[in-house]
C-alpha atoms as a PDB file:
ATOM      1  CA  MET A   1     -68.543  11.972 -70.741  1.00  0.00           C
ATOM      2  CA  ILE A   2     -71.309  13.715 -68.822  1.00  0.00           C
ATOM      3  CA  HIS A   3     -70.130  16.547 -66.573  1.00  0.00           C
ATOM      4  CA  PRO A   4     -71.609  16.377 -63.053  1.00  0.00           C
ATOM      5  CA  HIS A   5     -72.820  19.987 -63.293  1.00  0.00           C
ATOM      6  CA  THR A   6     -75.420  19.162 -65.935  1.00  0.00           C
ATOM      7  CA  TYR A   7     -79.058  18.123 -65.665  1.00  0.00           C
ATOM      8  CA  ILE A   8     -80.224  15.262 -67.856  1.00  0.00           C
ATOM      9  CA  HIS A   9     -83.794  14.005 -67.514  1.00  0.00           C
ATOM     10  CA  PRO A  10     -83.946  10.274 -66.695  1.00  0.00           C
ATOM     11  CA  ASP A  11     -86.024   9.624 -69.832  1.00  0.00           C
ATOM     12  CA  ALA A  12     -83.488  11.216 -72.202  1.00  0.00           C
ATOM     13  CA  LYS A  13     -81.518   8.760 -74.341  1.00  0.00           C
ATOM     14  CA  LEU A  14     -77.865   9.581 -74.950  1.00  0.00           C
ATOM     15  CA  ALA A  15     -75.411   7.285 -76.728  1.00  0.00           C
ATOM     16  CA  GLU A  16     -72.528   6.116 -74.541  1.00  0.00           C
ATOM     17  CA  ASN A  17     -69.883   8.411 -76.043  1.00  0.00           C
ATOM     18  CA  VAL A  18     -71.917  11.638 -76.059  1.00  0.00           C
ATOM     19  CA  LYS A  19     -70.065  14.441 -74.285  1.00  0.00           C
ATOM     20  CA  VAL A  20     -72.038  17.073 -72.345  1.00  0.00           C
ATOM     21  CA  ASP A  21     -70.212  20.053 -70.834  1.00  0.00           C
ATOM     22  CA  PRO A  22     -71.195  21.741 -67.542  1.00  0.00           C
ATOM     23  CA  PHE A  23     -74.373  23.701 -66.903  1.00  0.00           C
ATOM     24  CA  SER A  24     -76.326  22.286 -69.814  1.00  0.00           C
ATOM     25  CA  VAL A  25     -79.918  21.024 -69.442  1.00  0.00           C
ATOM     26  CA  ILE A  26     -81.395  18.138 -71.408  1.00  0.00           C
ATOM     27  CA  HIS A  27     -85.140  17.575 -71.012  1.00  0.00           C
ATOM     28  CA  GLN A  28     -87.277  14.466 -71.369  1.00  0.00           C
ATOM     29  CA  ASP A  29     -87.999  12.743 -74.700  1.00  0.00           C
ATOM     30  CA  VAL A  30     -84.606  13.694 -76.133  1.00  0.00           C
ATOM     31  CA  GLU A  31     -82.337  11.389 -78.132  1.00  0.00           C
ATOM     32  CA  ILE A  32     -78.700  12.198 -78.975  1.00  0.00           C
ATOM     33  CA  GLY A  33     -76.533  10.067 -81.260  1.00  0.00           C
ATOM     34  CA  ALA A  34     -73.010   8.731 -80.828  1.00  0.00           C
ATOM     35  CA  GLY A  35     -70.056  11.107 -80.936  1.00  0.00           C
ATOM     36  CA  THR A  36     -72.079  14.287 -80.457  1.00  0.00           C
ATOM     37  CA  TRP A  37     -70.722  17.070 -78.260  1.00  0.00           C
ATOM     38  CA  ILE A  38     -73.021  19.390 -76.308  1.00  0.00           C
ATOM     39  CA  GLY A  39     -71.235  22.521 -75.103  1.00  0.00           C
ATOM     40  CA  SER A  40     -71.826  24.359 -71.851  1.00  0.00           C
ATOM     41  CA  ASN A  41     -75.030  26.286 -71.097  1.00  0.00           C
ATOM     42  CA  VAL A  42     -76.974  24.531 -73.854  1.00  0.00           C
ATOM     43  CA  THR A  43     -80.700  23.835 -73.385  1.00  0.00           C
ATOM     44  CA  ILE A  44     -82.216  20.911 -75.267  1.00  0.00           C
ATOM     45  CA  MET A  45     -85.940  20.716 -74.684  1.00  0.00           C
ATOM     46  CA  GLN A  46     -88.589  18.054 -75.100  1.00  0.00           C
ATOM     47  CA  GLY A  47     -88.978  16.248 -78.409  1.00  0.00           C
ATOM     48  CA  VAL A  48     -85.483  16.805 -79.865  1.00  0.00           C
ATOM     49  CA  ARG A  49     -83.622  14.213 -81.922  1.00  0.00           C
ATOM     50  CA  ILE A  50     -79.940  14.905 -82.658  1.00  0.00           C
ATOM     51  CA  GLY A  51     -77.891  12.573 -84.856  1.00  0.00           C
ATOM     52  CA  LYS A  52     -74.309  11.337 -84.706  1.00  0.00           C
ATOM     53  CA  ASP A  53     -71.141  13.448 -84.568  1.00  0.00           C
ATOM     54  CA  CYS A  54     -72.908  16.789 -84.173  1.00  0.00           C
ATOM     55  CA  ARG A  55     -71.494  19.784 -82.299  1.00  0.00           C
ATOM     56  CA  VAL A  56     -73.720  22.140 -80.340  1.00  0.00           C
ATOM     57  CA  PHE A  57     -71.920  25.228 -79.063  1.00  0.00           C
ATOM     58  CA  PRO A  58     -72.569  27.142 -75.815  1.00  0.00           C
ATOM     59  CA  GLY A  59     -75.822  29.026 -75.369  1.00  0.00           C
ATOM     60  CA  ALA A  60     -77.847  27.240 -78.039  1.00  0.00           C
ATOM     61  CA  VAL A  61     -81.519  26.455 -77.307  1.00  0.00           C
ATOM     62  CA  ILE A  62     -83.028  23.595 -79.304  1.00  0.00           C
ATOM     63  CA  GLY A  63     -86.645  22.464 -79.125  1.00  0.00           C
ATOM     64  CA  ALA A  64     -88.351  25.396 -77.415  1.00  0.00           C
ATOM     65  CA  GLU A  65     -92.069  25.826 -78.046  1.00  0.00           C
ATOM     66  CA  PRO A  66     -92.859  27.587 -81.332  1.00  0.00           C
ATOM     67  CA  GLN A  67     -93.599  31.311 -81.326  1.00  0.00           C
ATOM     68  CA  ASP A  68     -96.919  30.665 -83.033  1.00  0.00           C
ATOM     69  CA  LEU A  69    -100.261  31.639 -81.512  1.00  0.00           C
ATOM     70  CA  LYS A  70    -101.871  28.610 -83.162  1.00  0.00           C
ATOM     71  CA  TYR A  71     -99.690  26.238 -81.169  1.00  0.00           C
ATOM     72  CA  LYS A  72    -101.743  24.492 -78.490  1.00  0.00           C
ATOM     73  CA  GLY A  73     -99.151  22.275 -76.861  1.00  0.00           C
ATOM     74  CA  GLU A  74     -99.200  19.447 -79.390  1.00  0.00           C
ATOM     75  CA  ASN A  75     -96.408  16.861 -79.160  1.00  0.00           C
ATOM     76  CA  THR A  76     -93.985  18.001 -81.875  1.00  0.00           C
ATOM     77  CA  ARG A  77     -90.277  17.633 -82.565  1.00  0.00           C
ATOM     78  CA  VAL A  78     -86.992  19.033 -83.747  1.00  0.00           C
ATOM     79  CA  GLU A  79     -84.945  16.568 -85.821  1.00  0.00           C
ATOM     80  CA  ILE A  80     -81.268  17.217 -86.609  1.00  0.00           C
ATOM     81  CA  GLY A  81     -79.212  14.911 -88.816  1.00  0.00           C
ATOM     82  CA  ASP A  82     -75.628  13.699 -88.526  1.00  0.00           C
ATOM     83  CA  SER A  83     -72.436  15.790 -88.513  1.00  0.00           C
ATOM     84  CA  THR A  84     -74.263  19.108 -88.195  1.00  0.00           C
ATOM     85  CA  THR A  85     -72.723  22.048 -86.308  1.00  0.00           C
ATOM     86  CA  ILE A  86     -74.886  24.486 -84.353  1.00  0.00           C
ATOM     87  CA  ARG A  87     -72.957  27.516 -83.169  1.00  0.00           C
ATOM     88  CA  GLU A  88     -73.386  29.851 -80.219  1.00  0.00           C
ATOM     89  CA  PHE A  89     -76.873  31.062 -79.243  1.00  0.00           C
ATOM     90  CA  VAL A  90     -78.682  29.461 -82.158  1.00  0.00           C
ATOM     91  CA  THR A  91     -82.401  28.841 -81.512  1.00  0.00           C
ATOM     92  CA  ILE A  92     -84.386  26.091 -83.238  1.00  0.00           C
ATOM     93  CA  HIS A  93     -88.090  25.754 -82.358  1.00  0.00           C
ATOM     94  CA  ARG A  94     -90.337  22.717 -82.453  1.00  0.00           C
ATOM     95  CA  GLY A  95     -92.985  22.273 -85.132  1.00  0.00           C
ATOM     96  CA  THR A  96     -96.725  22.752 -84.950  1.00  0.00           C
ATOM     97  CA  SER A  97     -99.584  20.604 -86.222  1.00  0.00           C
ATOM     98  CA  ASP A  98     -98.757  21.840 -89.753  1.00  0.00           C
ATOM     99  CA  ARG A  99     -95.695  19.588 -90.227  1.00  0.00           C
ATOM    100  CA  TRP A 100     -95.291  18.247 -86.669  1.00  0.00           C
ATOM    101  CA  LYS A 101     -91.563  18.883 -86.756  1.00  0.00           C
ATOM    102  CA  THR A 102     -88.762  21.284 -87.589  1.00  0.00           C
ATOM    103  CA  SER A 103     -85.882  19.535 -89.336  1.00  0.00           C
ATOM    104  CA  VAL A 104     -82.233  20.221 -90.146  1.00  0.00           C
ATOM    105  CA  GLY A 105     -80.352  17.722 -92.313  1.00  0.00           C
ATOM    106  CA  ASN A 106     -76.848  16.249 -92.345  1.00  0.00           C
ATOM    107  CA  ASN A 107     -73.572  18.187 -92.573  1.00  0.00           C
ATOM    108  CA  CYS A 108     -75.154  21.595 -92.016  1.00  0.00           C
ATOM    109  CA  LEU A 109     -73.516  24.637 -90.442  1.00  0.00           C
ATOM    110  CA  ILE A 110     -75.848  26.941 -88.525  1.00  0.00           C
ATOM    111  CA  MET A 111     -73.744  29.905 -87.429  1.00  0.00           C
ATOM    112  CA  ALA A 112     -74.036  31.989 -84.284  1.00  0.00           C
ATOM    113  CA  TYR A 113     -77.278  33.786 -83.345  1.00  0.00           C
ATOM    114  CA  SER A 114     -79.266  32.273 -86.201  1.00  0.00           C
ATOM    115  CA  HIS A 115     -82.913  31.285 -85.722  1.00  0.00           C
ATOM    116  CA  ILE A 116     -84.890  28.457 -87.329  1.00  0.00           C
ATOM    117  CA  ALA A 117     -88.594  28.784 -86.586  1.00  0.00           C
ATOM    118  CA  HIS A 118     -91.349  26.191 -86.350  1.00  0.00           C
ATOM    119  CA  ASP A 119     -92.055  23.781 -89.209  1.00  0.00           C
ATOM    120  CA  CYS A 120     -88.968  24.751 -91.208  1.00  0.00           C
ATOM    121  CA  CYS A 121     -87.245  22.103 -93.289  1.00  0.00           C
ATOM    122  CA  VAL A 122     -83.513  22.644 -93.868  1.00  0.00           C
ATOM    123  CA  GLY A 123     -81.866  20.118 -96.200  1.00  0.00           C
ATOM    124  CA  ASN A 124     -78.402  18.563 -96.192  1.00  0.00           C
ATOM    125  CA  ASN A 125     -75.118  20.480 -96.528  1.00  0.00           C
ATOM    126  CA  CYS A 126     -76.797  23.850 -95.923  1.00  0.00           C
ATOM    127  CA  ILE A 127     -75.176  26.926 -94.386  1.00  0.00           C
ATOM    128  CA  MET A 128     -76.849  29.726 -92.456  1.00  0.00           C
ATOM    129  CA  SER A 129     -74.340  32.467 -91.673  1.00  0.00           C
ATOM    130  CA  ASN A 130     -74.359  34.594 -88.518  1.00  0.00           C
ATOM    131  CA  ASN A 131     -77.658  36.193 -87.496  1.00  0.00           C
ATOM    132  CA  SER A 132     -79.697  34.600 -90.278  1.00  0.00           C
ATOM    133  CA  GLN A 133     -83.364  34.558 -89.296  1.00  0.00           C
ATOM    134  CA  MET A 134     -85.818  32.039 -90.717  1.00  0.00           C
ATOM    135  CA  ALA A 135     -89.563  32.442 -90.093  1.00  0.00           C
ATOM    136  CA  GLY A 136     -91.986  29.517 -89.927  1.00  0.00           C
ATOM    137  CA  HIS A 137     -92.643  26.931 -92.661  1.00  0.00           C
ATOM    138  CA  VAL A 138     -89.555  27.814 -94.743  1.00  0.00           C
ATOM    139  CA  VAL A 139     -88.078  25.089 -96.956  1.00  0.00           C
ATOM    140  CA  MET A 140     -84.341  25.281 -97.717  1.00  0.00           C
ATOM    141  CA  ALA A 141     -83.086  22.631-100.155  1.00  0.00           C
ATOM    142  CA  ASP A 142     -79.711  20.848-100.149  1.00  0.00           C
ATOM    143  CA  TYR A 143     -76.500  22.885-100.493  1.00  0.00           C
ATOM    144  CA  ALA A 144     -78.282  26.243-100.186  1.00  0.00           C
ATOM    145  CA  TRP A 145     -76.445  29.067 -98.413  1.00  0.00           C
ATOM    146  CA  ILE A 146     -77.897  32.093 -96.633  1.00  0.00           C
ATOM    147  CA  ALA A 147     -75.302  34.761 -95.875  1.00  0.00           C
ATOM    148  CA  GLY A 148     -75.303  36.738 -92.637  1.00  0.00           C
ATOM    149  CA  PHE A 149     -77.969  39.119 -91.309  1.00  0.00           C
ATOM    150  CA  SER A 150     -80.594  37.861 -93.749  1.00  0.00           C
ATOM    151  CA  ALA A 151     -84.274  37.384 -92.909  1.00  0.00           C
ATOM    152  CA  VAL A 152     -86.466  34.823 -94.663  1.00  0.00           C
ATOM    153  CA  HIS A 153     -90.240  35.374 -94.768  1.00  0.00           C
ATOM    154  CA  GLN A 154     -92.554  32.555 -93.708  1.00  0.00           C
ATOM    155  CA  PHE A 155     -93.469  29.909 -96.321  1.00  0.00           C
ATOM    156  CA  VAL A 156     -90.590  30.910 -98.612  1.00  0.00           C
ATOM    157  CA  LYS A 157     -88.794  28.134-100.527  1.00  0.00           C
ATOM    158  CA  ILE A 158     -85.084  28.240-101.322  1.00  0.00           C
ATOM    159  CA  GLY A 159     -83.870  25.940-104.104  1.00  0.00           C
ATOM    160  CA  GLN A 160     -80.869  23.654-103.999  1.00  0.00           C
ATOM    161  CA  HIS A 161     -77.414  25.199-104.521  1.00  0.00           C
ATOM    162  CA  ALA A 162     -78.873  28.719-104.256  1.00  0.00           C
ATOM    163  CA  PHE A 163     -76.879  31.511-102.613  1.00  0.00           C
ATOM    164  CA  ILE A 164     -78.533  34.454-100.847  1.00  0.00           C
ATOM    165  CA  ALA A 165     -76.391  37.543-100.269  1.00  0.00           C
ATOM    166  CA  GLY A 166     -75.836  38.967 -96.796  1.00  0.00           C
ATOM    167  CA  GLY A 167     -78.340  41.418 -95.385  1.00  0.00           C
ATOM    168  CA  SER A 168     -81.133  40.210 -97.643  1.00  0.00           C
ATOM    169  CA  LEU A 169     -84.863  40.322 -96.999  1.00  0.00           C
ATOM    170  CA  VAL A 170     -86.223  37.192 -98.677  1.00  0.00           C
ATOM    171  CA  ARG A 171     -89.924  37.625 -99.488  1.00  0.00           C
ATOM    172  CA  LYS A 172     -90.086  35.522-102.657  1.00  0.00           C
ATOM    173  CA  ASP A 173     -88.983  32.005-103.525  1.00  0.00           C
ATOM    174  CA  VAL A 174     -85.364  31.655-104.657  1.00  0.00           C
ATOM    175  CA  PRO A 175     -84.992  29.167-107.536  1.00  0.00           C
ATOM    176  CA  PRO A 176     -82.251  26.519-107.526  1.00  0.00           C
ATOM    177  CA  TYR A 177     -78.681  27.220-108.665  1.00  0.00           C
ATOM    178  CA  ILE A 178     -78.911  31.025-108.612  1.00  0.00           C
ATOM    179  CA  LYS A 179     -77.443  33.924-106.651  1.00  0.00           C
ATOM    180  CA  ALA A 180     -80.037  36.237-105.096  1.00  0.00           C
ATOM    181  CA  VAL A 181     -78.655  39.731-104.449  1.00  0.00           C
ATOM    182  CA  ARG A 182     -79.481  43.439-104.102  1.00  0.00           C
ATOM    183  CA  ASN A 183     -82.454  45.195-102.556  1.00  0.00           C
ATOM    184  CA  PRO A 184     -85.178  44.341-103.366  1.00  0.00           C
ATOM    185  CA  LEU A 185     -83.847  40.802-103.608  1.00  0.00           C
ATOM    186  CA  SER A 186     -83.310  39.938-107.281  1.00  0.00           C
ATOM    187  CA  TYR A 187     -81.790  37.400-109.647  1.00  0.00           C
ATOM    188  CA  GLY A 188     -78.039  37.980-109.727  1.00  0.00           C
ATOM    189  CA  GLY A 189     -76.900  35.225-112.059  1.00  0.00           C
ATOM    190  CA  VAL A 190     -76.110  31.550-111.616  1.00  0.00           C
ATOM    191  CA  ASN A 191     -74.121  30.401-108.575  1.00  0.00           C
ATOM    192  CA  SER A 192     -71.364  29.142-110.863  1.00  0.00           C
ATOM    193  CA  VAL A 193     -68.597  29.305-108.241  1.00  0.00           C
ATOM    194  CA  GLY A 194     -70.581  27.156-105.825  1.00  0.00           C
ATOM    195  CA  LEU A 195     -71.534  24.716-108.577  1.00  0.00           C
ATOM    196  CA  LYS A 196     -67.895  24.310-109.680  1.00  0.00           C
ATOM    197  CA  ARG A 197     -66.881  23.590-106.091  1.00  0.00           C
ATOM    198  CA  ARG A 198     -69.513  20.855-105.937  1.00  0.00           C
ATOM    199  CA  GLY A 199     -68.340  19.122-109.086  1.00  0.00           C
ATOM    200  CA  PHE A 200     -70.734  20.452-111.724  1.00  0.00           C
ATOM    201  CA  SER A 201     -69.221  20.321-115.211  1.00  0.00           C
ATOM    202  CA  ILE A 202     -68.853  23.442-117.339  1.00  0.00           C
ATOM    203  CA  GLU A 203     -71.448  21.961-119.725  1.00  0.00           C
ATOM    204  CA  LYS A 204     -73.991  21.587-116.895  1.00  0.00           C
ATOM    205  CA  ILE A 205     -73.338  25.107-115.641  1.00  0.00           C
ATOM    206  CA  ASN A 206     -73.708  26.545-119.141  1.00  0.00           C
ATOM    207  CA  GLN A 207     -77.021  24.730-119.596  1.00  0.00           C
ATOM    208  CA  ILE A 208     -78.283  26.214-116.327  1.00  0.00           C
ATOM    209  CA  LEU A 209     -77.114  29.665-117.508  1.00  0.00           C
ATOM    210  CA  ASP A 210     -78.995  29.236-120.774  1.00  0.00           C
ATOM    211  CA  ILE A 211     -82.171  28.267-118.907  1.00  0.00           C
ATOM    212  CA  TYR A 212     -82.053  31.333-116.685  1.00  0.00           C
ATOM    213  CA  ARG A 213     -81.306  33.633-119.638  1.00  0.00           C
ATOM    214  CA  ILE A 214     -84.610  32.477-121.108  1.00  0.00           C
ATOM    215  CA  ILE A 215     -86.458  33.020-117.815  1.00  0.00           C
ATOM    216  CA  TYR A 216     -84.990  36.422-116.993  1.00  0.00           C
ATOM    217  CA  ASN A 217     -83.662  37.963-120.226  1.00  0.00           C
ATOM    218  CA  LYS A 218     -85.821  36.834-123.138  1.00  0.00           C
ATOM    219  CA  GLY A 219     -88.830  39.038-122.324  1.00  0.00           C
ATOM    220  CA  LEU A 220     -91.282  36.154-121.899  1.00  0.00           C
ATOM    221  CA  ASN A 221     -93.689  35.801-119.006  1.00  0.00           C
ATOM    222  CA  THR A 222     -92.944  32.901-116.671  1.00  0.00           C
ATOM    223  CA  THR A 223     -95.457  30.484-118.211  1.00  0.00           C
ATOM    224  CA  LYS A 224     -94.215  31.077-121.750  1.00  0.00           C
ATOM    225  CA  ALA A 225     -90.578  30.893-120.649  1.00  0.00           C
ATOM    226  CA  LEU A 226     -91.092  27.480-119.039  1.00  0.00           C
ATOM    227  CA  GLU A 227     -92.923  26.199-122.125  1.00  0.00           C
ATOM    228  CA  TYR A 228     -90.064  27.410-124.312  1.00  0.00           C
ATOM    229  CA  ILE A 229     -87.484  25.698-122.071  1.00  0.00           C
ATOM    230  CA  GLU A 230     -89.374  22.398-122.198  1.00  0.00           C
ATOM    231  CA  GLU A 231     -89.611  22.543-125.979  1.00  0.00           C
ATOM    232  CA  GLU A 232     -86.149  23.878-126.857  1.00  0.00           C
ATOM    233  CA  MET A 233     -83.742  22.845-124.077  1.00  0.00           C
ATOM    234  CA  PRO A 234     -82.421  19.273-123.745  1.00  0.00           C
ATOM    235  CA  ALA A 235     -83.844  17.318-120.844  1.00  0.00           C
ATOM    236  CA  SER A 236     -81.711  17.046-117.690  1.00  0.00           C
ATOM    237  CA  ASP A 237     -82.182  16.747-113.951  1.00  0.00           C
ATOM    238  CA  GLU A 238     -81.263  20.414-113.567  1.00  0.00           C
ATOM    239  CA  ARG A 239     -83.713  21.599-116.217  1.00  0.00           C
ATOM    240  CA  ASP A 240     -86.544  19.573-114.713  1.00  0.00           C
ATOM    241  CA  GLU A 241     -85.699  20.757-111.184  1.00  0.00           C
ATOM    242  CA  ILE A 242     -85.864  24.410-112.253  1.00  0.00           C
ATOM    243  CA  ILE A 243     -89.157  23.960-114.122  1.00  0.00           C
ATOM    244  CA  SER A 244     -90.761  22.037-111.263  1.00  0.00           C
ATOM    245  CA  PHE A 245     -89.606  24.537-108.631  1.00  0.00           C
ATOM    246  CA  ILE A 246     -90.961  27.552-110.493  1.00  0.00           C
ATOM    247  CA  ARG A 247     -94.279  25.932-111.409  1.00  0.00           C
ATOM    248  CA  GLU A 248     -94.874  24.857-107.816  1.00  0.00           C
ATOM    249  CA  SER A 249     -93.938  28.238-106.337  1.00  0.00           C
ATOM    250  CA  GLU A 250     -96.814  29.745-104.365  1.00  0.00           C
ATOM    251  CA  ARG A 251     -95.152  33.023-103.418  1.00  0.00           C
ATOM    252  CA  GLY A 252     -93.623  33.674-106.826  1.00  0.00           C
ATOM    253  CA  ILE A 253     -89.898  33.784-107.572  1.00  0.00           C
ATOM    254  CA  VAL A 254     -87.425  36.634-107.253  1.00  0.00           C
ATOM    255  CA  LYS A 255     -87.391  38.906-110.299  1.00  0.00           C
ATOM    256  CA  ARG A 256     -84.681  40.369-112.461  1.00  0.00           C
ATOM    257  CA  TYR A 257     -83.157  43.505-110.956  1.00  0.00           C
ATOM    258  CA  THR A 258     -84.319  46.819-112.391  1.00  0.00           C
ATOM    259  CA  LYS A 259     -82.799  50.169-111.495  1.00  0.00           C
ATOM    260  CA  THR A 260     -84.919  52.670-109.655  1.00  0.00           C
ATOM    261  CA  GLU A 261     -85.188  56.301-110.738  1.00  0.00           C
ATOM    262  CA  ALA A 262     -83.135  57.321-107.718  1.00  0.00           C
ATOM    263  CA  GLU A 263     -80.231  55.132-108.854  1.00  0.00           C
ATOM    264  CA  ASP A 264     -80.281  56.705-112.312  1.00  0.00           C
ATOM    265  CA  GLU A 265     -79.908  60.215-110.933  1.00  0.00           C
END
């Protein structure tokens, strides 16, 4: 159902059962999949692809030009998967010539007032809580969760199943399966509650705990810790994911929390 008080460009492609509420604007070169609902006062700009059964709440702007001085008008996109919810006043910007697109996966929840900048890649089943701000080129892996009022620095990588506490400033990469907490942002243990909810066995969770005890508690530098893990820990998908993530990190990973002198007083 398309409300008569909407504007849809003739070149936009909407599946037959897409519902668009009044006062929304859909520009050219847009494709929207079956069962998706577009709320009122939504703006969907050129180059956007939205999958099936998504919900876009009032005031959202998807596909605006990137806030990047290097952008010269190249033909880029925003791609959003199936069954993703985008709440009120979320903004998602198109890519640049770096990746040519900004992408959000399936079954994600992007809460109100959040921002996803150019060339970001958000995986499947991710959550960004209210007012989360993501600068350009960020990669957020599957099942990661950013709590509210957090800001993620450009080029940061967030590993799968990681949890970032509310109000965080994320300057370093956040390895998979951990909780990142405090200020400055630091390792706060394994995200065991989230892993249990997603069906990880106690044995798997304990192996992940053992790996991170070596990385953060054994007193080894990162290179030596990873070598020790490869030699001493049994092989598993989780072990290999952690090792690969840390070795490929360009910004470095969050560190173990250490008290400041002020906190000791």
